[in-house]
Amino acid sequence: MEKLSLVQFKKGLILTLTTAGILFLLNGLIGKNELFLLLNADMGKLADHLFNFITYMGDGIWWILILIVFILFRIKFLPVLFFSFAFSEIFIESFKYFILPGEPRPITAIADTNLIHTVTGVELHTIASFPSGHTTQAFIFYLLACLMINKKWLVAIGFLYAALIGYSRVYLAQHFPRDLAGGMLFASISVFLSVLIYKKWFEQKKALQ
């Protein structure tokens, strides 16, 4: 019988929350703008193209591909995917448009825009900064992979994938590091709650059989 890889999930969850905590701590110690400018440093044209490509790996369109994979290979765990998506959207939309509406992004918040490294062709958004939606989705995909694929290497490799997508949002001047930390936190909560709901539902269903 297929089972969730809870041990791997816990490792991925700890790694994600630890990284989020470090970013929140650095944000408080160094300052939101200062930490952003430190991580937004120009690394050259190759990095510009690389991170512009990587950032698209966190687009919402990937939910469709993940849905297809679940339907074909993990349909039993489809509720976990559904609730992860639902919770993450609630968190993202609530903070961006109700709790912190109009929260300025780097290009708006930093007075001297000459200090900001920007990439040609990338349209810079000005508001709705917290949290980073791309980062939230990337870490949801990462944590779901930890749950569904029982491979030890996935914890580290998957984290690198999600972290690079998150960092691309700072490099492309779309988000502050604090926004990435928020995305990691909300992704962790979303998947964790989804697992709890699934286990509760599955255990009740099993008890009735």
C-alpha atoms as a PDB file:
ATOM      1  CA  MET A   1       0.000   0.000   0.000  1.00  0.00           C
ATOM      2  CA  GLU A   2       1.269   3.456  -0.871  1.00  0.00           C
ATOM      3  CA  LYS A   3       2.297   5.553   2.094  1.00  0.00           C
ATOM      4  CA  LEU A   4       3.328   9.124   2.670  1.00  0.00           C
ATOM      5  CA  SER A   5       7.054   9.550   3.313  1.00  0.00           C
ATOM      6  CA  LEU A   6       6.580  11.356   6.612  1.00  0.00           C
ATOM      7  CA  VAL A   7      10.215  11.055   7.728  1.00  0.00           C
ATOM      8  CA  GLN A   8      11.421  12.814   4.576  1.00  0.00           C
ATOM      9  CA  PHE A   9       8.640  15.350   4.888  1.00  0.00           C
ATOM     10  CA  LYS A  10       9.734  16.218   8.429  1.00  0.00           C
ATOM     11  CA  LYS A  11      13.311  16.738   7.236  1.00  0.00           C
ATOM     12  CA  GLY A  12      12.158  18.993   4.406  1.00  0.00           C
ATOM     13  CA  LEU A  13       9.852  20.856   6.765  1.00  0.00           C
ATOM     14  CA  ILE A  14      12.625  21.469   9.300  1.00  0.00           C
ATOM     15  CA  LEU A  15      14.994  22.646   6.559  1.00  0.00           C
ATOM     16  CA  THR A  16      12.367  24.996   5.126  1.00  0.00           C
ATOM     17  CA  LEU A  17      11.322  26.493   8.474  1.00  0.00           C
ATOM     18  CA  THR A  18      14.938  26.885   9.593  1.00  0.00           C
ATOM     19  CA  THR A  19      15.760  28.813   6.418  1.00  0.00           C
ATOM     20  CA  ALA A  20      12.674  30.983   6.867  1.00  0.00           C
ATOM     21  CA  GLY A  21      13.670  31.682  10.460  1.00  0.00           C
ATOM     22  CA  ILE A  22      17.190  32.693   9.418  1.00  0.00           C
ATOM     23  CA  LEU A  23      15.832  35.081   6.794  1.00  0.00           C
ATOM     24  CA  PHE A  24      13.400  36.646   9.270  1.00  0.00           C
ATOM     25  CA  LEU A  25      16.256  37.027  11.776  1.00  0.00           C
ATOM     26  CA  LEU A  26      18.601  38.620   9.232  1.00  0.00           C
ATOM     27  CA  ASN A  27      15.793  40.907   8.126  1.00  0.00           C
ATOM     28  CA  GLY A  28      15.461  42.138  11.691  1.00  0.00           C
ATOM     29  CA  LEU A  29      19.194  42.454  12.344  1.00  0.00           C
ATOM     30  CA  ILE A  30      20.335  43.972   9.040  1.00  0.00           C
ATOM     31  CA  GLY A  31      17.167  45.692   7.841  1.00  0.00           C
ATOM     32  CA  LYS A  32      14.702  44.901   5.068  1.00  0.00           C
ATOM     33  CA  ASN A  33      16.202  47.198   2.435  1.00  0.00           C
ATOM     34  CA  GLU A  34      19.810  46.508   3.391  1.00  0.00           C
ATOM     35  CA  LEU A  35      19.421  42.735   3.233  1.00  0.00           C
ATOM     36  CA  PHE A  36      17.688  43.011  -0.114  1.00  0.00           C
ATOM     37  CA  LEU A  37      20.464  45.139  -1.606  1.00  0.00           C
ATOM     38  CA  LEU A  38      23.065  42.703  -0.284  1.00  0.00           C
ATOM     39  CA  LEU A  39      21.421  39.733  -2.008  1.00  0.00           C
ATOM     40  CA  ASN A  40      20.365  41.658  -5.106  1.00  0.00           C
ATOM     41  CA  ALA A  41      23.979  42.286  -6.177  1.00  0.00           C
ATOM     42  CA  ASP A  42      24.703  42.109  -9.919  1.00  0.00           C
ATOM     43  CA  MET A  43      26.344  38.777 -10.840  1.00  0.00           C
ATOM     44  CA  GLY A  44      26.630  39.427 -14.547  1.00  0.00           C
ATOM     45  CA  LYS A  45      24.688  38.662 -17.706  1.00  0.00           C
ATOM     46  CA  LEU A  46      24.863  34.885 -17.304  1.00  0.00           C
ATOM     47  CA  ALA A  47      23.220  35.090 -13.875  1.00  0.00           C
ATOM     48  CA  ASP A  48      20.632  37.517 -15.282  1.00  0.00           C
ATOM     49  CA  HIS A  49      19.537  34.979 -17.896  1.00  0.00           C
ATOM     50  CA  LEU A  50      19.791  32.040 -15.493  1.00  0.00           C
ATOM     51  CA  PHE A  51      17.609  33.509 -12.757  1.00  0.00           C
ATOM     52  CA  ASN A  52      15.151  34.912 -15.285  1.00  0.00           C
ATOM     53  CA  PHE A  53      14.681  31.321 -16.481  1.00  0.00           C
ATOM     54  CA  ILE A  54      14.635  29.764 -12.999  1.00  0.00           C
ATOM     55  CA  THR A  55      11.938  32.109 -11.723  1.00  0.00           C
ATOM     56  CA  TYR A  56       9.419  30.663 -14.219  1.00  0.00           C
ATOM     57  CA  MET A  57       9.776  27.271 -12.522  1.00  0.00           C
ATOM     58  CA  GLY A  58       7.720  28.737  -9.667  1.00  0.00           C
ATOM     59  CA  ASP A  59       4.843  29.959 -11.847  1.00  0.00           C
ATOM     60  CA  GLY A  60       1.296  28.897 -11.053  1.00  0.00           C
ATOM     61  CA  ILE A  61       1.057  27.032 -14.376  1.00  0.00           C
ATOM     62  CA  TRP A  62       3.056  24.211 -12.782  1.00  0.00           C
ATOM     63  CA  TRP A  63       0.032  23.365 -10.626  1.00  0.00           C
ATOM     64  CA  ILE A  64      -1.523  21.863 -13.761  1.00  0.00           C
ATOM     65  CA  LEU A  65       1.466  19.568 -14.331  1.00  0.00           C
ATOM     66  CA  ILE A  66       1.497  18.520 -10.675  1.00  0.00           C
ATOM     67  CA  LEU A  67      -2.240  17.812 -10.864  1.00  0.00           C
ATOM     68  CA  ILE A  68      -1.729  15.551 -13.884  1.00  0.00           C
ATOM     69  CA  VAL A  69       1.074  13.675 -12.088  1.00  0.00           C
ATOM     70  CA  PHE A  70      -1.138  13.139  -9.037  1.00  0.00           C
ATOM     71  CA  ILE A  71      -4.053  11.913 -11.153  1.00  0.00           C
ATOM     72  CA  LEU A  72      -1.831   9.452 -13.024  1.00  0.00           C
ATOM     73  CA  PHE A  73       0.380   8.188 -10.217  1.00  0.00           C
ATOM     74  CA  ARG A  74      -0.814   9.419  -6.798  1.00  0.00           C
ATOM     75  CA  ILE A  75      -4.565   9.898  -7.131  1.00  0.00           C
ATOM     76  CA  LYS A  76      -5.093   8.475  -3.636  1.00  0.00           C
ATOM     77  CA  PHE A  77      -3.270  11.510  -2.243  1.00  0.00           C
ATOM     78  CA  LEU A  78      -5.063  14.078  -4.401  1.00  0.00           C
ATOM     79  CA  PRO A  79      -6.729  15.630  -1.298  1.00  0.00           C
ATOM     80  CA  VAL A  80      -3.267  16.589  -0.010  1.00  0.00           C
ATOM     81  CA  LEU A  81      -2.571  18.488  -3.233  1.00  0.00           C
ATOM     82  CA  PHE A  82      -6.006  20.123  -3.208  1.00  0.00           C
ATOM     83  CA  PHE A  83      -5.777  21.379   0.367  1.00  0.00           C
ATOM     84  CA  SER A  84      -2.160  22.496  -0.072  1.00  0.00           C
ATOM     85  CA  PHE A  85      -3.218  24.633  -3.017  1.00  0.00           C
ATOM     86  CA  ALA A  86      -6.308  25.945  -1.213  1.00  0.00           C
ATOM     87  CA  PHE A  87      -4.502  26.903   1.988  1.00  0.00           C
ATOM     88  CA  SER A  88      -1.608  28.539   0.127  1.00  0.00           C
ATOM     89  CA  GLU A  89      -3.980  30.642  -1.973  1.00  0.00           C
ATOM     90  CA  ILE A  90      -5.835  31.752   1.153  1.00  0.00           C
ATOM     91  CA  PHE A  91      -2.580  32.817   2.796  1.00  0.00           C
ATOM     92  CA  ILE A  92      -1.188  34.565  -0.292  1.00  0.00           C
ATOM     93  CA  GLU A  93      -4.356  36.421  -1.254  1.00  0.00           C
ATOM     94  CA  SER A  94      -5.195  37.382   2.344  1.00  0.00           C
ATOM     95  CA  PHE A  95      -1.816  38.967   3.012  1.00  0.00           C
ATOM     96  CA  LYS A  96      -1.316  40.563  -0.394  1.00  0.00           C
ATOM     97  CA  TYR A  97      -4.731  42.170  -0.664  1.00  0.00           C
ATOM     98  CA  PHE A  98      -6.305  42.369   2.799  1.00  0.00           C
ATOM     99  CA  ILE A  99      -3.790  42.158   5.667  1.00  0.00           C
ATOM    100  CA  LEU A 100      -0.948  44.025   3.955  1.00  0.00           C
ATOM    101  CA  PRO A 101      -2.593  45.686   0.951  1.00  0.00           C
ATOM    102  CA  GLY A 102      -0.316  47.919  -1.084  1.00  0.00           C
ATOM    103  CA  GLU A 103       2.837  46.599   0.617  1.00  0.00           C
ATOM    104  CA  PRO A 104       5.620  48.185  -1.508  1.00  0.00           C
ATOM    105  CA  ARG A 105       8.067  46.051  -3.440  1.00  0.00           C
ATOM    106  CA  PRO A 106      11.782  46.964  -3.658  1.00  0.00           C
ATOM    107  CA  ILE A 107      11.493  49.285  -6.657  1.00  0.00           C
ATOM    108  CA  THR A 108       8.908  51.333  -4.751  1.00  0.00           C
ATOM    109  CA  ALA A 109      10.243  51.033  -1.202  1.00  0.00           C
ATOM    110  CA  ILE A 110      13.871  51.971  -1.914  1.00  0.00           C
ATOM    111  CA  ALA A 111      14.238  55.680  -2.690  1.00  0.00           C
ATOM    112  CA  ASP A 112      17.503  55.439  -4.624  1.00  0.00           C
ATOM    113  CA  THR A 113      16.539  52.990  -7.359  1.00  0.00           C
ATOM    114  CA  ASN A 114      20.059  53.212  -8.820  1.00  0.00           C
ATOM    115  CA  LEU A 115      21.148  50.904  -6.002  1.00  0.00           C
ATOM    116  CA  ILE A 116      18.842  48.155  -7.278  1.00  0.00           C
ATOM    117  CA  HIS A 117      20.099  45.629  -9.799  1.00  0.00           C
ATOM    118  CA  THR A 118      17.436  45.010 -12.429  1.00  0.00           C
ATOM    119  CA  VAL A 119      17.356  42.629 -15.377  1.00  0.00           C
ATOM    120  CA  THR A 120      16.478  43.868 -18.853  1.00  0.00           C
ATOM    121  CA  GLY A 121      13.080  42.678 -20.024  1.00  0.00           C
ATOM    122  CA  VAL A 122      11.762  41.880 -16.540  1.00  0.00           C
ATOM    123  CA  GLU A 123       8.676  43.903 -15.658  1.00  0.00           C
ATOM    124  CA  LEU A 124       8.992  45.100 -12.075  1.00  0.00           C
ATOM    125  CA  HIS A 125       5.928  44.946  -9.862  1.00  0.00           C
ATOM    126  CA  THR A 126       5.422  47.769  -7.389  1.00  0.00           C
ATOM    127  CA  ILE A 127       3.055  46.516  -4.671  1.00  0.00           C
ATOM    128  CA  ALA A 128       1.679  43.316  -3.048  1.00  0.00           C
ATOM    129  CA  SER A 129       5.110  42.294  -1.854  1.00  0.00           C
ATOM    130  CA  PHE A 130       4.431  39.926   1.063  1.00  0.00           C
ATOM    131  CA  PRO A 131       4.603  36.967   0.696  1.00  0.00           C
ATOM    132  CA  SER A 132       6.340  35.799  -2.463  1.00  0.00           C
ATOM    133  CA  GLY A 133       3.850  33.669  -4.374  1.00  0.00           C
ATOM    134  CA  HIS A 134       6.571  32.016  -6.473  1.00  0.00           C
ATOM    135  CA  THR A 135       8.463  31.013  -3.329  1.00  0.00           C
ATOM    136  CA  THR A 136       5.315  29.713  -1.648  1.00  0.00           C
ATOM    137  CA  GLN A 137       4.502  27.515  -4.624  1.00  0.00           C
ATOM    138  CA  ALA A 138       8.075  26.299  -5.086  1.00  0.00           C
ATOM    139  CA  PHE A 139       8.290  25.142  -1.481  1.00  0.00           C
ATOM    140  CA  ILE A 140       4.862  23.508  -1.649  1.00  0.00           C
ATOM    141  CA  PHE A 141       6.069  21.496  -4.649  1.00  0.00           C
ATOM    142  CA  TYR A 142       9.242  20.650  -2.723  1.00  0.00           C
ATOM    143  CA  LEU A 143       7.414  19.501   0.401  1.00  0.00           C
ATOM    144  CA  LEU A 144       4.887  17.522  -1.626  1.00  0.00           C
ATOM    145  CA  ALA A 145       7.754  15.794  -3.428  1.00  0.00           C
ATOM    146  CA  CYS A 146       9.294  14.914  -0.055  1.00  0.00           C
ATOM    147  CA  LEU A 147       5.957  13.358   0.897  1.00  0.00           C
ATOM    148  CA  MET A 148       5.388  11.411  -2.297  1.00  0.00           C
ATOM    149  CA  ILE A 149       8.867  10.319  -3.416  1.00  0.00           C
ATOM    150  CA  ASN A 150      10.815   8.208  -0.954  1.00  0.00           C
ATOM    151  CA  LYS A 151      14.329   9.132  -2.082  1.00  0.00           C
ATOM    152  CA  LYS A 152      16.871  10.497   0.418  1.00  0.00           C
ATOM    153  CA  TRP A 153      18.593  12.708  -2.155  1.00  0.00           C
ATOM    154  CA  LEU A 154      15.333  14.535  -2.823  1.00  0.00           C
ATOM    155  CA  VAL A 155      15.466  16.435   0.485  1.00  0.00           C
ATOM    156  CA  ALA A 156      18.652  18.278  -0.516  1.00  0.00           C
ATOM    157  CA  ILE A 157      18.144  18.497  -4.289  1.00  0.00           C
ATOM    158  CA  GLY A 158      14.521  19.556  -3.960  1.00  0.00           C
ATOM    159  CA  PHE A 159      15.443  22.208  -1.419  1.00  0.00           C
ATOM    160  CA  LEU A 160      18.059  23.603  -3.802  1.00  0.00           C
ATOM    161  CA  TYR A 161      15.414  23.826  -6.554  1.00  0.00           C
ATOM    162  CA  ALA A 162      12.964  25.697  -4.320  1.00  0.00           C
ATOM    163  CA  ALA A 163      15.627  27.939  -2.795  1.00  0.00           C
ATOM    164  CA  LEU A 164      16.909  28.999  -6.225  1.00  0.00           C
ATOM    165  CA  ILE A 165      13.399  29.962  -7.303  1.00  0.00           C
ATOM    166  CA  GLY A 166      13.015  31.975  -4.112  1.00  0.00           C
ATOM    167  CA  TYR A 167      16.365  33.696  -4.551  1.00  0.00           C
ATOM    168  CA  SER A 168      15.530  34.514  -8.175  1.00  0.00           C
ATOM    169  CA  ARG A 169      12.726  36.746  -6.885  1.00  0.00           C
ATOM    170  CA  VAL A 170      15.263  38.859  -4.976  1.00  0.00           C
ATOM    171  CA  TYR A 171      17.810  38.825  -7.788  1.00  0.00           C
ATOM    172  CA  LEU A 172      15.154  40.019 -10.248  1.00  0.00           C
ATOM    173  CA  ALA A 173      14.199  42.806  -7.790  1.00  0.00           C
ATOM    174  CA  GLN A 174      10.644  41.519  -7.344  1.00  0.00           C
ATOM    175  CA  HIS A 175      10.720  40.702  -3.624  1.00  0.00           C
ATOM    176  CA  PHE A 176      12.475  41.298  -0.330  1.00  0.00           C
ATOM    177  CA  PRO A 177      14.131  38.332   1.464  1.00  0.00           C
ATOM    178  CA  ARG A 178      11.414  38.706   4.112  1.00  0.00           C
ATOM    179  CA  ASP A 179       8.843  37.897   1.412  1.00  0.00           C
ATOM    180  CA  LEU A 180      10.687  34.658   0.659  1.00  0.00           C
ATOM    181  CA  ALA A 181      10.643  33.726   4.333  1.00  0.00           C
ATOM    182  CA  GLY A 182       6.900  34.336   4.405  1.00  0.00           C
ATOM    183  CA  GLY A 183       6.456  32.103   1.377  1.00  0.00           C
ATOM    184  CA  MET A 184       8.435  29.304   3.032  1.00  0.00           C
ATOM    185  CA  LEU A 185       6.412  29.656   6.219  1.00  0.00           C
ATOM    186  CA  PHE A 186       3.040  29.600   4.461  1.00  0.00           C
ATOM    187  CA  ALA A 187       4.086  26.673   2.254  1.00  0.00           C
ATOM    188  CA  SER A 188       5.076  24.713   5.361  1.00  0.00           C
ATOM    189  CA  ILE A 189       1.809  25.476   7.138  1.00  0.00           C
ATOM    190  CA  SER A 190      -0.270  24.682   4.041  1.00  0.00           C
ATOM    191  CA  VAL A 191       1.229  21.257   3.417  1.00  0.00           C
ATOM    192  CA  PHE A 192       1.353  20.406   7.132  1.00  0.00           C
ATOM    193  CA  LEU A 193      -2.351  21.175   7.558  1.00  0.00           C
ATOM    194  CA  SER A 194      -3.148  19.213   4.408  1.00  0.00           C
ATOM    195  CA  VAL A 195      -1.346  16.155   5.747  1.00  0.00           C
ATOM    196  CA  LEU A 196      -3.219  16.413   9.043  1.00  0.00           C
ATOM    197  CA  ILE A 197      -6.558  16.616   7.233  1.00  0.00           C
ATOM    198  CA  TYR A 198      -5.678  13.692   4.984  1.00  0.00           C
ATOM    199  CA  LYS A 199      -4.542  11.481   7.873  1.00  0.00           C
ATOM    200  CA  LYS A 200      -7.682  12.327   9.828  1.00  0.00           C
ATOM    201  CA  TRP A 201      -9.885  11.550   6.820  1.00  0.00           C
ATOM    202  CA  PHE A 202      -7.974   8.390   5.900  1.00  0.00           C
ATOM    203  CA  GLU A 203      -7.970   7.043   9.449  1.00  0.00           C
ATOM    204  CA  GLN A 204     -11.720   7.636   9.800  1.00  0.00           C
ATOM    205  CA  LYS A 205     -12.384   5.974   6.444  1.00  0.00           C
ATOM    206  CA  LYS A 206     -10.217   2.996   7.431  1.00  0.00           C
ATOM    207  CA  ALA A 207     -12.018   2.659  10.758  1.00  0.00           C
ATOM    208  CA  LEU A 208     -15.388   2.454   8.988  1.00  0.00           C
ATOM    209  CA  GLN A 209     -14.273  -0.350   6.677  1.00  0.00           C
END
